[in-house]
Amino acid sequence: MTNTAANTDSDDLLQYNPNRLLDTLIENLRLKNDAALSRALEVAPPVISKIRHHRLPVGASLLIRMHEVSDLSIRDLRYLMGDRRNKFRISDKQFKPKTSETQTGE
């Protein structure tokens, strides 16, 4: 039974969970709550709420801001929220110019 519990704990650490990241930031920065964290990160309080409730992903600019405020590395911040990717791949569609058909809606 102990192995099952240990597997469950490690599975929880491997899954995307921005709450662990936000809670660690609050603790490391010695803040009281999410409102204080939003002020420290210079974002609106609903942004933190939406991230907590999995309605908004942690974007690159916010991740960089978390790094600047907390002095934690980007790798550590990504690890805290469960992002274990070694490489990031960008879709080819992001670099293609828009055609006139997609711009006009035809």
PDB file of N, CA and C in Angstrom:
ATOM      1  N   MET A   1       0.814  -1.204   0.000  1.00  0.00           N
ATOM      2  CA  MET A   1       0.000   0.000   0.000  1.00  0.00           C
ATOM      3  C   MET A   1       0.853   1.262   0.000  1.00  0.00           C
ATOM      4  N   THR A   2       2.004   1.197   0.597  1.00  0.00           N
ATOM      5  CA  THR A   2       2.870   2.359   0.639  1.00  0.00           C
ATOM      6  C   THR A   2       3.305   2.768  -0.767  1.00  0.00           C
ATOM      7  N   ASN A   3       3.584   1.767  -1.608  1.00  0.00           N
ATOM      8  CA  ASN A   3       3.990   2.078  -2.976  1.00  0.00           C
ATOM      9  C   ASN A   3       2.886   2.808  -3.729  1.00  0.00           C
ATOM     10  N   THR A   4       1.643   2.421  -3.495  1.00  0.00           N
ATOM     11  CA  THR A   4       0.529   3.085  -4.165  1.00  0.00           C
ATOM     12  C   THR A   4       0.453   4.550  -3.753  1.00  0.00           C
ATOM     13  N   ALA A   5       0.617   4.811  -2.459  1.00  0.00           N
ATOM     14  CA  ALA A   5       0.579   6.187  -1.978  1.00  0.00           C
ATOM     15  C   ALA A   5       1.741   6.985  -2.558  1.00  0.00           C
ATOM     16  N   ALA A   6       2.917   6.363  -2.621  1.00  0.00           N
ATOM     17  CA  ALA A   6       4.081   7.051  -3.173  1.00  0.00           C
ATOM     18  C   ALA A   6       3.873   7.333  -4.652  1.00  0.00           C
ATOM     19  N   ASN A   7       3.271   6.388  -5.378  1.00  0.00           N
ATOM     20  CA  ASN A   7       3.000   6.601  -6.794  1.00  0.00           C
ATOM     21  C   ASN A   7       2.003   7.730  -6.995  1.00  0.00           C
ATOM     22  N   THR A   8       1.003   7.803  -6.139  1.00  0.00           N
ATOM     23  CA  THR A   8       0.008   8.863  -6.235  1.00  0.00           C
ATOM     24  C   THR A   8       0.652  10.220  -5.997  1.00  0.00           C
ATOM     25  N   ASP A   9       1.546  10.314  -5.003  1.00  0.00           N
ATOM     26  CA  ASP A   9       2.223  11.577  -4.730  1.00  0.00           C
ATOM     27  C   ASP A   9       3.081  11.999  -5.902  1.00  0.00           C
ATOM     28  N   SER A  10       3.828  11.059  -6.486  1.00  0.00           N
ATOM     29  CA  SER A  10       4.677  11.423  -7.619  1.00  0.00           C
ATOM     30  C   SER A  10       3.836  11.759  -8.843  1.00  0.00           C
ATOM     31  N   ASP A  11       2.693  11.084  -9.022  1.00  0.00           N
ATOM     32  CA  ASP A  11       1.800  11.415 -10.129  1.00  0.00           C
ATOM     33  C   ASP A  11       1.251  12.828  -9.975  1.00  0.00           C
ATOM     34  N   ASP A  12       0.934  13.231  -8.748  1.00  0.00           N
ATOM     35  CA  ASP A  12       0.434  14.581  -8.495  1.00  0.00           C
ATOM     36  C   ASP A  12       1.485  15.629  -8.847  1.00  0.00           C
ATOM     37  N   LEU A  13       2.756  15.312  -8.585  1.00  0.00           N
ATOM     38  CA  LEU A  13       3.828  16.256  -8.885  1.00  0.00           C
ATOM     39  C   LEU A  13       4.065  16.384 -10.382  1.00  0.00           C
ATOM     40  N   LEU A  14       3.716  15.347 -11.150  1.00  0.00           N
ATOM     41  CA  LEU A  14       3.950  15.369 -12.579  1.00  0.00           C
ATOM     42  C   LEU A  14       2.821  16.026 -13.355  1.00  0.00           C
ATOM     43  N   GLN A  15       1.685  16.229 -12.733  1.00  0.00           N
ATOM     44  CA  GLN A  15       0.546  16.817 -13.424  1.00  0.00           C
ATOM     45  C   GLN A  15       0.591  18.338 -13.322  1.00  0.00           C
ATOM     46  N   TYR A  16       0.048  18.995 -14.347  1.00  0.00           N
ATOM     47  CA  TYR A  16      -0.016  20.456 -14.354  1.00  0.00           C
ATOM     48  C   TYR A  16      -0.876  20.930 -13.201  1.00  0.00           C
ATOM     49  N   ASN A  17      -0.288  21.732 -12.341  1.00  0.00           N
ATOM     50  CA  ASN A  17      -1.005  22.262 -11.187  1.00  0.00           C
ATOM     51  C   ASN A  17      -0.452  23.647 -10.863  1.00  0.00           C
ATOM     52  N   PRO A  18      -1.054  24.693 -11.396  1.00  0.00           N
ATOM     53  CA  PRO A  18      -0.535  26.037 -11.132  1.00  0.00           C
ATOM     54  C   PRO A  18      -0.704  26.469  -9.676  1.00  0.00           C
ATOM     55  N   ASN A  19      -1.584  25.813  -8.935  1.00  0.00           N
ATOM     56  CA  ASN A  19      -1.778  26.180  -7.530  1.00  0.00           C
ATOM     57  C   ASN A  19      -0.509  25.984  -6.719  1.00  0.00           C
ATOM     58  N   ARG A  20       0.228  24.924  -7.010  1.00  0.00           N
ATOM     59  CA  ARG A  20       1.479  24.666  -6.302  1.00  0.00           C
ATOM     60  C   ARG A  20       2.465  25.812  -6.564  1.00  0.00           C
ATOM     61  N   LEU A  21       2.510  26.273  -7.802  1.00  0.00           N
ATOM     62  CA  LEU A  21       3.376  27.395  -8.157  1.00  0.00           C
ATOM     63  C   LEU A  21       2.953  28.662  -7.415  1.00  0.00           C
ATOM     64  N   LEU A  22       1.673  28.989  -7.454  1.00  0.00           N
ATOM     65  CA  LEU A  22       1.185  30.212  -6.812  1.00  0.00           C
ATOM     66  C   LEU A  22       1.383  30.153  -5.294  1.00  0.00           C
ATOM     67  N   ASP A  23       1.103  29.005  -4.691  1.00  0.00           N
ATOM     68  CA  ASP A  23       1.278  28.858  -3.240  1.00  0.00           C
ATOM     69  C   ASP A  23       2.745  28.995  -2.834  1.00  0.00           C
ATOM     70  N   THR A  24       3.641  28.450  -3.639  1.00  0.00           N
ATOM     71  CA  THR A  24       5.075  28.561  -3.352  1.00  0.00           C
ATOM     72  C   THR A  24       5.535  30.005  -3.465  1.00  0.00           C
ATOM     73  N   LEU A  25       5.046  30.717  -4.465  1.00  0.00           N
ATOM     74  CA  LEU A  25       5.399  32.133  -4.603  1.00  0.00           C
ATOM     75  C   LEU A  25       4.917  32.938  -3.404  1.00  0.00           C
ATOM     76  N   ILE A  26       3.690  32.680  -2.982  1.00  0.00           N
ATOM     77  CA  ILE A  26       3.140  33.392  -1.824  1.00  0.00           C
ATOM     78  C   ILE A  26       4.002  33.125  -0.590  1.00  0.00           C
ATOM     79  N   GLU A  27       4.395  31.873  -0.417  1.00  0.00           N
ATOM     80  CA  GLU A  27       5.217  31.505   0.739  1.00  0.00           C
ATOM     81  C   GLU A  27       6.607  32.132   0.651  1.00  0.00           C
ATOM     82  N   ASN A  28       7.263  32.020  -0.515  1.00  0.00           N
ATOM     83  CA  ASN A  28       8.624  32.545  -0.660  1.00  0.00           C
ATOM     84  C   ASN A  28       8.688  34.062  -0.541  1.00  0.00           C
ATOM     85  N   LEU A  29       7.661  34.728  -1.031  1.00  0.00           N
ATOM     86  CA  LEU A  29       7.633  36.191  -0.968  1.00  0.00           C
ATOM     87  C   LEU A  29       7.027  36.705   0.340  1.00  0.00           C
ATOM     88  N   ARG A  30       6.616  35.769   1.188  1.00  0.00           N
ATOM     89  CA  ARG A  30       6.006  36.085   2.497  1.00  0.00           C
ATOM     90  C   ARG A  30       4.793  37.011   2.340  1.00  0.00           C
ATOM     91  N   LEU A  31       3.914  36.605   1.414  1.00  0.00           N
ATOM     92  CA  LEU A  31       2.699  37.370   1.163  1.00  0.00           C
ATOM     93  C   LEU A  31       1.525  36.726   1.891  1.00  0.00           C
ATOM     94  N   LYS A  32       0.441  37.473   2.034  1.00  0.00           N
ATOM     95  CA  LYS A  32      -0.721  36.961   2.768  1.00  0.00           C
ATOM     96  C   LYS A  32      -1.672  36.161   1.905  1.00  0.00           C
ATOM     97  N   ASN A  33      -1.870  36.603   0.647  1.00  0.00           N
ATOM     98  CA  ASN A  33      -2.911  35.970  -0.169  1.00  0.00           C
ATOM     99  C   ASN A  33      -2.696  36.262  -1.656  1.00  0.00           C
ATOM    100  N   ASP A  34      -3.660  35.816  -2.455  1.00  0.00           N
ATOM    101  CA  ASP A  34      -3.574  36.005  -3.900  1.00  0.00           C
ATOM    102  C   ASP A  34      -3.598  37.476  -4.300  1.00  0.00           C
ATOM    103  N   ALA A  35      -4.319  38.294  -3.555  1.00  0.00           N
ATOM    104  CA  ALA A  35      -4.379  39.726  -3.869  1.00  0.00           C
ATOM    105  C   ALA A  35      -2.993  40.358  -3.720  1.00  0.00           C
ATOM    106  N   ALA A  36      -2.289  39.987  -2.665  1.00  0.00           N
ATOM    107  CA  ALA A  36      -0.930  40.500  -2.466  1.00  0.00           C
ATOM    108  C   ALA A  36       0.004  39.989  -3.559  1.00  0.00           C
ATOM    109  N   LEU A  37      -0.190  38.747  -3.988  1.00  0.00           N
ATOM    110  CA  LEU A  37       0.619  38.193  -5.079  1.00  0.00           C
ATOM    111  C   LEU A  37       0.356  38.948  -6.379  1.00  0.00           C
ATOM    112  N   SER A  38      -0.901  39.255  -6.651  1.00  0.00           N
ATOM    113  CA  SER A  38      -1.221  39.991  -7.882  1.00  0.00           C
ATOM    114  C   SER A  38      -0.569  41.367  -7.867  1.00  0.00           C
ATOM    115  N   ARG A  39      -0.515  42.010  -6.700  1.00  0.00           N
ATOM    116  CA  ARG A  39       0.155  43.312  -6.607  1.00  0.00           C
ATOM    117  C   ARG A  39       1.657  43.160  -6.837  1.00  0.00           C
ATOM    118  N   ALA A  40       2.252  42.115  -6.268  1.00  0.00           N
ATOM    119  CA  ALA A  40       3.692  41.889  -6.425  1.00  0.00           C
ATOM    120  C   ALA A  40       4.049  41.601  -7.877  1.00  0.00           C
ATOM    121  N   LEU A  41       3.173  40.879  -8.571  1.00  0.00           N
ATOM    122  CA  LEU A  41       3.425  40.534  -9.974  1.00  0.00           C
ATOM    123  C   LEU A  41       2.927  41.608 -10.937  1.00  0.00           C
ATOM    124  N   GLU A  42       2.223  42.611 -10.393  1.00  0.00           N
ATOM    125  CA  GLU A  42       1.668  43.701 -11.186  1.00  0.00           C
ATOM    126  C   GLU A  42       0.684  43.197 -12.238  1.00  0.00           C
ATOM    127  N   VAL A  43      -0.209  42.315 -11.809  1.00  0.00           N
ATOM    128  CA  VAL A  43      -1.298  41.837 -12.667  1.00  0.00           C
ATOM    129  C   VAL A  43      -2.611  42.041 -11.913  1.00  0.00           C
ATOM    130  N   ALA A  44      -3.701  42.025 -12.638  1.00  0.00           N
ATOM    131  CA  ALA A  44      -5.013  42.177 -12.015  1.00  0.00           C
ATOM    132  C   ALA A  44      -5.346  40.918 -11.203  1.00  0.00           C
ATOM    133  N   PRO A  45      -6.018  41.078 -10.071  1.00  0.00           N
ATOM    134  CA  PRO A  45      -6.379  39.915  -9.246  1.00  0.00           C
ATOM    135  C   PRO A  45      -7.134  38.810  -9.996  1.00  0.00           C
ATOM    136  N   PRO A  46      -8.020  39.146 -10.947  1.00  0.00           N
ATOM    137  CA  PRO A  46      -8.694  38.060 -11.664  1.00  0.00           C
ATOM    138  C   PRO A  46      -7.742  37.150 -12.451  1.00  0.00           C
ATOM    139  N   VAL A  47      -6.578  37.662 -12.829  1.00  0.00           N
ATOM    140  CA  VAL A  47      -5.608  36.830 -13.550  1.00  0.00           C
ATOM    141  C   VAL A  47      -5.161  35.678 -12.659  1.00  0.00           C
ATOM    142  N   ILE A  48      -4.848  35.973 -11.410  1.00  0.00           N
ATOM    143  CA  ILE A  48      -4.422  34.933 -10.465  1.00  0.00           C
ATOM    144  C   ILE A  48      -5.561  33.942 -10.243  1.00  0.00           C
ATOM    145  N   SER A  49      -6.769  34.447 -10.095  1.00  0.00           N
ATOM    146  CA  SER A  49      -7.932  33.580  -9.884  1.00  0.00           C
ATOM    147  C   SER A  49      -8.153  32.653 -11.071  1.00  0.00           C
ATOM    148  N   LYS A  50      -8.055  33.199 -12.271  1.00  0.00           N
ATOM    149  CA  LYS A  50      -8.264  32.383 -13.477  1.00  0.00           C
ATOM    150  C   LYS A  50      -7.178  31.322 -13.622  1.00  0.00           C
ATOM    151  N   ILE A  51      -5.948  31.659 -13.254  1.00  0.00           N
ATOM    152  CA  ILE A  51      -4.868  30.663 -13.287  1.00  0.00           C
ATOM    153  C   ILE A  51      -5.142  29.565 -12.268  1.00  0.00           C
ATOM    154  N   ARG A  52      -5.565  29.946 -11.067  1.00  0.00           N
ATOM    155  CA  ARG A  52      -5.870  28.967 -10.017  1.00  0.00           C
ATOM    156  C   ARG A  52      -6.969  28.002 -10.423  1.00  0.00           C
ATOM    157  N   HIS A  53      -7.938  28.495 -11.162  1.00  0.00           N
ATOM    158  CA  HIS A  53      -9.085  27.665 -11.546  1.00  0.00           C
ATOM    159  C   HIS A  53      -8.925  27.051 -12.938  1.00  0.00           C
ATOM    160  N   HIS A  54      -7.686  27.054 -13.448  1.00  0.00           N
ATOM    161  CA  HIS A  54      -7.345  26.415 -14.728  1.00  0.00           C
ATOM    162  C   HIS A  54      -8.103  27.007 -15.914  1.00  0.00           C
ATOM    163  N   ARG A  55      -8.475  28.276 -15.819  1.00  0.00           N
ATOM    164  CA  ARG A  55      -9.139  28.933 -16.941  1.00  0.00           C
ATOM    165  C   ARG A  55      -8.176  29.774 -17.761  1.00  0.00           C
ATOM    166  N   LEU A  56      -6.961  29.972 -17.241  1.00  0.00           N
ATOM    167  CA  LEU A  56      -5.951  30.760 -17.935  1.00  0.00           C
ATOM    168  C   LEU A  56      -4.597  30.107 -17.677  1.00  0.00           C
ATOM    169  N   PRO A  57      -3.835  29.828 -18.722  1.00  0.00           N
ATOM    170  CA  PRO A  57      -2.508  29.240 -18.491  1.00  0.00           C
ATOM    171  C   PRO A  57      -1.519  30.299 -18.017  1.00  0.00           C
ATOM    172  N   VAL A  58      -0.448  29.843 -17.410  1.00  0.00           N
ATOM    173  CA  VAL A  58       0.622  30.756 -17.012  1.00  0.00           C
ATOM    174  C   VAL A  58       1.405  31.078 -18.276  1.00  0.00           C
ATOM    175  N   GLY A  59       1.300  32.295 -18.728  1.00  0.00           N
ATOM    176  CA  GLY A  59       1.957  32.706 -19.961  1.00  0.00           C
ATOM    177  C   GLY A  59       3.431  33.008 -19.749  1.00  0.00           C
ATOM    178  N   ALA A  60       4.142  33.149 -20.851  1.00  0.00           N
ATOM    179  CA  ALA A  60       5.584  33.391 -20.794  1.00  0.00           C
ATOM    180  C   ALA A  60       5.914  34.697 -20.076  1.00  0.00           C
ATOM    181  N   SER A  61       5.174  35.759 -20.364  1.00  0.00           N
ATOM    182  CA  SER A  61       5.476  37.053 -19.731  1.00  0.00           C
ATOM    183  C   SER A  61       5.239  37.002 -18.222  1.00  0.00           C
ATOM    184  N   LEU A  62       4.195  36.291 -17.802  1.00  0.00           N
ATOM    185  CA  LEU A  62       3.938  36.166 -16.363  1.00  0.00           C
ATOM    186  C   LEU A  62       4.996  35.283 -15.710  1.00  0.00           C
ATOM    187  N   LEU A  63       5.418  34.251 -16.387  1.00  0.00           N
ATOM    188  CA  LEU A  63       6.465  33.381 -15.860  1.00  0.00           C
ATOM    189  C   LEU A  63       7.768  34.162 -15.673  1.00  0.00           C
ATOM    190  N   ILE A  64       8.079  35.023 -16.636  1.00  0.00           N
ATOM    191  CA  ILE A  64       9.278  35.856 -16.518  1.00  0.00           C
ATOM    192  C   ILE A  64       9.134  36.832 -15.354  1.00  0.00           C
ATOM    193  N   ARG A  65       7.944  37.399 -15.203  1.00  0.00           N
ATOM    194  CA  ARG A  65       7.713  38.323 -14.080  1.00  0.00           C
ATOM    195  C   ARG A  65       7.855  37.593 -12.746  1.00  0.00           C
ATOM    196  N   MET A  66       7.350  36.352 -12.662  1.00  0.00           N
ATOM    197  CA  MET A  66       7.509  35.548 -11.442  1.00  0.00           C
ATOM    198  C   MET A  66       8.989  35.320 -11.145  1.00  0.00           C
ATOM    199  N   HIS A  67       9.758  35.075 -12.190  1.00  0.00           N
ATOM    200  CA  HIS A  67      11.203  34.882 -12.040  1.00  0.00           C
ATOM    201  C   HIS A  67      11.862  36.154 -11.494  1.00  0.00           C
ATOM    202  N   GLU A  68      11.502  37.297 -12.056  1.00  0.00           N
ATOM    203  CA  GLU A  68      12.104  38.565 -11.627  1.00  0.00           C
ATOM    204  C   GLU A  68      11.781  38.888 -10.172  1.00  0.00           C
ATOM    205  N   VAL A  69      10.556  38.613  -9.769  1.00  0.00           N
ATOM    206  CA  VAL A  69      10.114  38.957  -8.417  1.00  0.00           C
ATOM    207  C   VAL A  69      10.657  37.977  -7.381  1.00  0.00           C
ATOM    208  N   SER A  70      10.711  36.700  -7.736  1.00  0.00           N
ATOM    209  CA  SER A  70      11.042  35.667  -6.746  1.00  0.00           C
ATOM    210  C   SER A  70      12.492  35.212  -6.766  1.00  0.00           C
ATOM    211  N   ASP A  71      13.232  35.514  -7.826  1.00  0.00           N
ATOM    212  CA  ASP A  71      14.599  35.020  -8.020  1.00  0.00           C
ATOM    213  C   ASP A  71      14.673  33.499  -8.156  1.00  0.00           C
ATOM    214  N   LEU A  72      13.533  32.844  -8.396  1.00  0.00           N
ATOM    215  CA  LEU A  72      13.536  31.423  -8.728  1.00  0.00           C
ATOM    216  C   LEU A  72      13.796  31.306 -10.221  1.00  0.00           C
ATOM    217  N   SER A  73      14.499  30.261 -10.621  1.00  0.00           N
ATOM    218  CA  SER A  73      14.782  30.096 -12.050  1.00  0.00           C
ATOM    219  C   SER A  73      13.500  29.735 -12.796  1.00  0.00           C
ATOM    220  N   ILE A  74      13.509  29.999 -14.089  1.00  0.00           N
ATOM    221  CA  ILE A  74      12.365  29.637 -14.930  1.00  0.00           C
ATOM    222  C   ILE A  74      12.138  28.133 -14.855  1.00  0.00           C
ATOM    223  N   ARG A  75      13.209  27.371 -14.865  1.00  0.00           N
ATOM    224  CA  ARG A  75      13.109  25.910 -14.770  1.00  0.00           C
ATOM    225  C   ARG A  75      12.417  25.504 -13.468  1.00  0.00           C
ATOM    226  N   ASP A  76      12.798  26.137 -12.350  1.00  0.00           N
ATOM    227  CA  ASP A  76      12.171  25.817 -11.066  1.00  0.00           C
ATOM    228  C   ASP A  76      10.690  26.189 -11.063  1.00  0.00           C
ATOM    229  N   LEU A  77      10.369  27.338 -11.633  1.00  0.00           N
ATOM    230  CA  LEU A  77       8.976  27.765 -11.690  1.00  0.00           C
ATOM    231  C   LEU A  77       8.147  26.799 -12.528  1.00  0.00           C
ATOM    232  N   ARG A  78       8.681  26.380 -13.670  1.00  0.00           N
ATOM    233  CA  ARG A  78       7.976  25.415 -14.518  1.00  0.00           C
ATOM    234  C   ARG A  78       7.819  24.087 -13.798  1.00  0.00           C
ATOM    235  N   TYR A  79       8.856  23.668 -13.082  1.00  0.00           N
ATOM    236  CA  TYR A  79       8.795  22.411 -12.337  1.00  0.00           C
ATOM    237  C   TYR A  79       7.703  22.462 -11.271  1.00  0.00           C
ATOM    238  N   LEU A  80       7.587  23.601 -10.602  1.00  0.00           N
ATOM    239  CA  LEU A  80       6.578  23.751  -9.546  1.00  0.00           C
ATOM    240  C   LEU A  80       5.162  23.588 -10.080  1.00  0.00           C
ATOM    241  N   MET A  81       4.925  24.023 -11.306  1.00  0.00           N
ATOM    242  CA  MET A  81       3.569  23.895 -11.829  1.00  0.00           C
ATOM    243  C   MET A  81       3.358  22.604 -12.604  1.00  0.00           C
ATOM    244  N   GLY A  82       4.398  21.766 -12.678  1.00  0.00           N
ATOM    245  CA  GLY A  82       4.232  20.458 -13.304  1.00  0.00           C
ATOM    246  C   GLY A  82       4.618  20.394 -14.758  1.00  0.00           C
ATOM    247  N   ASP A  83       5.277  21.419 -15.268  1.00  0.00           N
ATOM    248  CA  ASP A  83       5.698  21.438 -16.670  1.00  0.00           C
ATOM    249  C   ASP A  83       7.086  20.820 -16.751  1.00  0.00           C
ATOM    250  N   ARG A  84       7.183  19.611 -17.317  1.00  0.00           N
ATOM    251  CA  ARG A  84       8.452  18.888 -17.360  1.00  0.00           C
ATOM    252  C   ARG A  84       9.045  18.800 -18.764  1.00  0.00           C
ATOM    253  N   ARG A  85       8.544  19.601 -19.703  1.00  0.00           N
ATOM    254  CA  ARG A  85       9.046  19.525 -21.079  1.00  0.00           C
ATOM    255  C   ARG A  85      10.483  20.030 -21.156  1.00  0.00           C
ATOM    256  N   ASN A  86      11.308  19.324 -21.924  1.00  0.00           N
ATOM    257  CA  ASN A  86      12.687  19.763 -22.136  1.00  0.00           C
ATOM    258  C   ASN A  86      12.795  20.708 -23.313  1.00  0.00           C
ATOM    259  N   LYS A  87      11.921  20.527 -24.304  1.00  0.00           N
ATOM    260  CA  LYS A  87      11.931  21.368 -25.495  1.00  0.00           C
ATOM    261  C   LYS A  87      10.536  21.907 -25.735  1.00  0.00           C
ATOM    262  N   PHE A  88      10.489  23.085 -26.326  1.00  0.00           N
ATOM    263  CA  PHE A  88       9.220  23.684 -26.683  1.00  0.00           C
ATOM    264  C   PHE A  88       9.142  23.758 -28.189  1.00  0.00           C
ATOM    265  N   ARG A  89       8.051  23.319 -28.729  1.00  0.00           N
ATOM    266  CA  ARG A  89       7.887  23.340 -30.172  1.00  0.00           C
ATOM    267  C   ARG A  89       6.798  24.342 -30.531  1.00  0.00           C
ATOM    268  N   ILE A  90       7.088  25.128 -31.523  1.00  0.00           N
ATOM    269  CA  ILE A  90       6.135  26.126 -31.974  1.00  0.00           C
ATOM    270  C   ILE A  90       5.564  25.658 -33.304  1.00  0.00           C
ATOM    271  N   SER A  91       4.289  25.787 -33.439  1.00  0.00           N
ATOM    272  CA  SER A  91       3.609  25.364 -34.654  1.00  0.00           C
ATOM    273  C   SER A  91       4.060  26.192 -35.849  1.00  0.00           C
ATOM    274  N   ASP A  92       4.134  25.549 -37.018  1.00  0.00           N
ATOM    275  CA  ASP A  92       4.473  26.261 -38.251  1.00  0.00           C
ATOM    276  C   ASP A  92       3.441  27.336 -38.570  1.00  0.00           C
ATOM    277  N   LYS A  93       2.206  27.133 -38.136  1.00  0.00           N
ATOM    278  CA  LYS A  93       1.134  28.085 -38.422  1.00  0.00           C
ATOM    279  C   LYS A  93       1.407  29.448 -37.802  1.00  0.00           C
ATOM    280  N   GLN A  94       2.172  29.486 -36.722  1.00  0.00           N
ATOM    281  CA  GLN A  94       2.435  30.757 -36.056  1.00  0.00           C
ATOM    282  C   GLN A  94       3.352  31.658 -36.864  1.00  0.00           C
ATOM    283  N   PHE A  95       4.110  31.076 -37.790  1.00  0.00           N
ATOM    284  CA  PHE A  95       5.046  31.871 -38.567  1.00  0.00           C
ATOM    285  C   PHE A  95       4.568  32.168 -39.978  1.00  0.00           C
ATOM    286  N   LYS A  96       3.448  31.597 -40.387  1.00  0.00           N
ATOM    287  CA  LYS A  96       2.930  31.823 -41.726  1.00  0.00           C
ATOM    288  C   LYS A  96       2.154  33.131 -41.773  1.00  0.00           C
ATOM    289  N   PRO A  97       2.381  33.923 -42.808  1.00  0.00           N
ATOM    290  CA  PRO A  97       1.602  35.171 -42.920  1.00  0.00           C
ATOM    291  C   PRO A  97       0.146  34.848 -43.232  1.00  0.00           C
ATOM    292  N   LYS A  98      -0.715  35.724 -42.779  1.00  0.00           N
ATOM    293  CA  LYS A  98      -2.142  35.533 -43.056  1.00  0.00           C
ATOM    294  C   LYS A  98      -2.417  35.805 -44.523  1.00  0.00           C
ATOM    295  N   THR A  99      -3.252  34.981 -45.102  1.00  0.00           N
ATOM    296  CA  THR A  99      -3.640  35.202 -46.500  1.00  0.00           C
ATOM    297  C   THR A  99      -4.785  36.186 -46.537  1.00  0.00           C
ATOM    298  N   SER A 100      -5.056  36.716 -47.704  1.00  0.00           N
ATOM    299  CA  SER A 100      -6.132  37.691 -47.834  1.00  0.00           C
ATOM    300  C   SER A 100      -7.487  37.055 -47.523  1.00  0.00           C
ATOM    301  N   GLU A 101      -7.619  35.750 -47.752  1.00  0.00           N
ATOM    302  CA  GLU A 101      -8.885  35.073 -47.466  1.00  0.00           C
ATOM    303  C   GLU A 101      -9.156  35.015 -45.974  1.00  0.00           C
ATOM    304  N   THR A 102      -8.121  34.737 -45.169  1.00  0.00           N
ATOM    305  CA  THR A 102      -8.340  34.668 -43.731  1.00  0.00           C
ATOM    306  C   THR A 102      -8.505  36.055 -43.134  1.00  0.00           C
ATOM    307  N   GLN A 103      -7.916  37.061 -43.749  1.00  0.00           N
ATOM    308  CA  GLN A 103      -8.056  38.428 -43.240  1.00  0.00           C
ATOM    309  C   GLN A 103      -9.436  38.993 -43.511  1.00  0.00           C
ATOM    310  N   THR A 104     -10.027  38.650 -44.667  1.00  0.00           N
ATOM    311  CA  THR A 104     -11.335  39.191 -45.011  1.00  0.00           C
ATOM    312  C   THR A 104     -12.470  38.297 -44.544  1.00  0.00           C
ATOM    313  N   GLY A 105     -12.139  37.070 -44.104  1.00  0.00           N
ATOM    314  CA  GLY A 105     -13.167  36.184 -43.588  1.00  0.00           C
ATOM    315  C   GLY A 105     -13.871  35.380 -44.654  1.00  0.00           C
ATOM    316  N   GLU A 106     -13.334  35.325 -45.861  1.00  0.00           N
ATOM    317  CA  GLU A 106     -13.977  34.577 -46.950  1.00  0.00           C
ATOM    318  C   GLU A 106     -13.684  33.115 -46.851  1.00  0.00           C
TER     319      GLU A 106
END
